[in-house]
Amino acid sequence: PGNLTSEVVTLWYRPPELILGAKEYAEELDSWSLGCLLFEMGTGFPLFPGASEIETLLMVFKVLGTPDEGCSLRTLPFFHAQFPRFQGRLEATLPEWCKVKLRNGLRAGGGGGAADAGAAGERELLRACLGEHGVDLLVRLLRIEPSQRLTARQALAHPFLRPDEEGL
C-alpha cells in the first residue's frame, strides 16, 4: 500500500475510496479502474462520466448502491451519513442514459433482441456487449467494498481473459 494523492487516477476511473479521502490504497484501486475500462471498451462509452468528484461518486452509488453499515468506505473522511441511499446492483441498475445508448448501439450494430426493462433486461444488454464471462468479470472488479474486488492475478485467471476458454 502507498500513501499517495487521491488524483492518481483519472476521475472517470477513480474508485470511490479515493474520492472519499482514502490516503492508503493498494491493487484494488487498479481493479476498479480495470472494471471501468472493461465497461468502456465493451460498450463504447464510460460508466461513470462525472464532471466532478461528487457527481462521479453519486453515479457510483446509483449503480452499485450506497455503502451499507460495515463497509470500509463509511469510515473514510469524506463519507457522509446524509448521502442519498441507493440500492444498486451493477447488472440490475444501469443508468437510463446507459441503457438507451446500449440499446441504440445494439440496434445500429444489428445486435437486436435486447430485452426491455428489469434486471434480466439490463444484464442482457451488458451480455450483448461483453458476453457472460465479461459481465461476471465486470461485476467482480466493480465491487463497492475494495477488499471484495478481484486482484489482478485473479482477474488474469478469469475465463473472460483466457483465450483458450470462452473468453476473448
Protein backbone atom coordinates (compact mmCIF):
# COMPACT_ATOMS: atom_id res chain seq x y z
CA PRO A 1 0.00 0.00 0.00
CA GLY A 2 1.09 3.53 -0.69
CA ASN A 3 0.29 6.85 0.94
CA LEU A 4 -0.34 8.92 -2.17
CA THR A 5 -2.56 11.57 -3.73
CA SER A 6 -6.23 10.91 -4.48
CA GLU A 7 -5.73 12.21 -8.02
CA VAL A 8 -3.60 9.26 -9.12
CA VAL A 9 -6.38 8.05 -11.43
CA THR A 10 -8.49 9.92 -14.00
CA LEU A 11 -11.81 10.88 -12.41
CA TRP A 12 -13.98 8.56 -14.54
CA TYR A 13 -11.89 5.56 -13.42
CA ARG A 14 -11.25 6.70 -9.84
CA PRO A 15 -12.54 4.30 -7.19
CA PRO A 16 -14.94 5.59 -4.55
CA GLU A 17 -12.43 5.13 -1.73
CA LEU A 18 -10.13 7.74 -3.29
CA ILE A 19 -12.98 10.21 -3.78
CA LEU A 20 -13.96 9.64 -0.14
CA GLY A 21 -10.48 10.54 1.11
CA ALA A 22 -8.52 7.29 1.46
CA LYS A 23 -4.82 8.04 1.76
CA GLU A 24 -3.60 4.46 1.64
CA TYR A 25 -4.51 2.07 -1.10
CA ALA A 26 -3.25 -0.97 -2.94
CA GLU A 27 -4.07 -3.01 -6.02
CA GLU A 28 -7.84 -2.86 -5.52
CA LEU A 29 -7.58 0.66 -6.95
CA ASP A 30 -6.29 -0.81 -10.22
CA SER A 31 -9.00 -3.48 -10.18
CA TRP A 32 -11.66 -0.75 -10.06
CA SER A 33 -10.03 1.15 -12.91
CA LEU A 34 -9.78 -2.05 -14.96
CA GLY A 35 -13.51 -2.64 -14.45
CA CYS A 36 -14.31 0.88 -15.63
CA LEU A 37 -12.13 0.40 -18.71
CA LEU A 38 -13.62 -3.03 -19.44
CA PHE A 39 -17.11 -1.49 -19.43
CA GLU A 40 -15.99 1.33 -21.72
CA MET A 41 -14.21 -0.99 -24.15
CA GLY A 42 -17.23 -3.29 -24.29
CA THR A 43 -19.88 -0.60 -24.69
CA GLY A 44 -18.04 2.29 -26.32
CA PHE A 45 -18.74 4.78 -23.52
CA PRO A 46 -17.73 5.33 -19.87
CA LEU A 47 -19.89 4.08 -16.98
CA PHE A 48 -19.17 6.92 -14.53
CA PRO A 49 -18.55 10.08 -16.64
CA GLY A 50 -18.88 12.58 -13.81
CA ALA A 51 -17.80 16.19 -14.25
CA SER A 52 -16.84 16.41 -10.56
CA GLU A 53 -15.90 14.07 -7.74
CA ILE A 54 -19.33 14.30 -6.09
CA GLU A 55 -21.14 13.70 -9.38
CA THR A 56 -18.96 10.67 -10.07
CA LEU A 57 -19.47 9.35 -6.54
CA LEU A 58 -23.25 9.67 -6.80
CA MET A 59 -23.16 7.86 -10.17
CA VAL A 60 -21.25 5.03 -8.49
CA PHE A 61 -23.76 4.85 -5.63
CA LYS A 62 -26.73 4.85 -8.04
CA VAL A 63 -25.28 1.91 -9.99
CA LEU A 64 -23.68 -0.10 -7.16
CA GLY A 65 -25.59 1.09 -4.11
CA THR A 66 -24.65 3.39 -1.26
CA PRO A 67 -22.27 1.57 1.10
CA ASP A 68 -24.03 -0.38 3.86
CA GLU A 69 -23.10 -0.46 7.53
CA GLY A 70 -19.85 -2.38 7.88
CA CYS A 71 -18.46 -1.24 4.51
CA SER A 72 -14.99 0.27 4.91
CA LEU A 73 -15.96 3.28 2.78
CA ARG A 74 -18.21 4.53 5.59
CA THR A 75 -15.12 5.13 7.77
CA LEU A 76 -13.42 7.45 5.28
CA PRO A 77 -13.13 11.20 5.96
CA PHE A 78 -15.48 12.41 3.22
CA PHE A 79 -18.25 9.83 3.66
CA HIS A 80 -21.45 11.39 4.99
CA ALA A 81 -24.37 9.53 6.50
CA GLN A 82 -26.58 12.05 4.66
CA PHE A 83 -25.58 10.67 1.24
CA PRO A 84 -28.69 9.54 -0.66
CA ARG A 85 -29.44 5.82 -0.16
CA PHE A 86 -29.39 3.78 -3.36
CA GLN A 87 -29.88 0.02 -3.58
CA GLY A 88 -27.87 -0.65 -6.74
CA ARG A 89 -26.50 -3.78 -8.33
CA LEU A 90 -24.37 -3.29 -11.42
CA GLU A 91 -26.14 -5.75 -13.67
CA ALA A 92 -29.57 -4.59 -12.47
CA THR A 93 -29.36 -0.79 -12.09
CA LEU A 94 -27.70 0.71 -15.14
CA PRO A 95 -28.48 4.41 -15.53
CA GLU A 96 -31.23 5.14 -18.07
CA TRP A 97 -28.85 7.04 -20.39
CA CYS A 98 -26.60 3.99 -20.37
CA LYS A 99 -29.44 1.60 -21.26
CA VAL A 100 -30.54 3.89 -24.10
CA LYS A 101 -27.02 4.03 -25.54
CA LEU A 102 -26.63 0.27 -25.25
CA ARG A 103 -29.98 -0.40 -26.94
CA ASN A 104 -29.26 2.10 -29.72
CA GLY A 105 -25.79 0.69 -30.25
CA LEU A 106 -27.11 -2.86 -30.46
CA ARG A 107 -29.80 -1.83 -32.96
CA ALA A 108 -27.28 0.04 -35.09
CA GLY A 109 -24.87 -2.89 -34.95
CA GLY A 110 -27.57 -5.42 -35.77
CA GLY A 111 -27.45 -6.94 -32.28
CA GLY A 112 -31.21 -6.53 -31.80
CA GLY A 113 -33.25 -8.62 -29.47
CA ALA A 114 -32.09 -6.87 -26.31
CA ALA A 115 -34.63 -7.21 -23.53
CA ASP A 116 -36.51 -4.15 -22.35
CA ALA A 117 -36.71 -3.42 -18.64
CA GLY A 118 -35.86 -5.08 -15.35
CA ALA A 119 -32.71 -6.74 -14.06
CA ALA A 120 -32.73 -9.52 -16.64
CA GLY A 121 -33.04 -6.98 -19.45
CA GLU A 122 -30.13 -4.92 -18.16
CA ARG A 123 -27.94 -7.98 -17.74
CA GLU A 124 -28.85 -8.97 -21.31
CA LEU A 125 -27.79 -5.55 -22.55
CA LEU A 126 -24.42 -5.93 -20.86
CA ARG A 127 -24.10 -9.54 -22.01
CA ALA A 128 -24.68 -8.47 -25.62
CA CYS A 129 -21.61 -6.21 -25.33
CA LEU A 130 -19.32 -8.23 -23.07
CA GLY A 131 -20.57 -11.81 -23.08
CA GLU A 132 -21.49 -13.70 -19.91
CA HIS A 133 -17.86 -14.03 -18.77
CA GLY A 134 -17.30 -10.33 -19.39
CA VAL A 135 -20.30 -9.37 -17.25
CA ASP A 136 -19.09 -11.68 -14.48
CA LEU A 137 -15.60 -10.15 -14.57
CA LEU A 138 -17.07 -6.63 -14.59
CA VAL A 139 -19.23 -7.32 -11.53
CA ARG A 140 -16.26 -8.81 -9.66
CA LEU A 141 -14.00 -5.84 -10.45
CA LEU A 142 -16.54 -3.13 -9.64
CA ARG A 143 -17.40 -4.02 -6.07
CA ILE A 144 -18.13 -1.09 -3.77
CA GLU A 145 -16.10 -2.72 -0.96
CA PRO A 146 -12.44 -2.57 -2.06
CA SER A 147 -11.43 -5.78 -0.25
CA GLN A 148 -14.04 -7.73 -2.24
CA ARG A 149 -12.67 -6.81 -5.68
CA LEU A 150 -10.68 -9.32 -7.68
CA THR A 151 -6.93 -8.90 -7.55
CA ALA A 152 -5.01 -8.50 -10.79
CA ARG A 153 -3.85 -12.13 -10.52
CA GLN A 154 -7.43 -13.33 -10.02
CA ALA A 155 -8.64 -11.20 -12.94
CA LEU A 156 -5.97 -12.67 -15.22
CA ALA A 157 -7.19 -16.16 -14.32
CA HIS A 158 -10.82 -15.27 -15.11
CA PRO A 159 -12.36 -17.11 -18.10
CA PHE A 160 -13.01 -13.80 -19.92
CA LEU A 161 -9.26 -13.25 -20.21
CA ARG A 162 -8.39 -16.85 -21.06
CA PRO A 163 -8.19 -17.20 -24.86
CA ASP A 164 -8.26 -21.00 -24.57
CA GLU A 165 -11.71 -20.83 -22.97
CA GLU A 166 -14.88 -18.90 -23.87
CA GLY A 167 -13.37 -15.52 -23.02
CA LEU A 168 -11.93 -13.24 -25.64
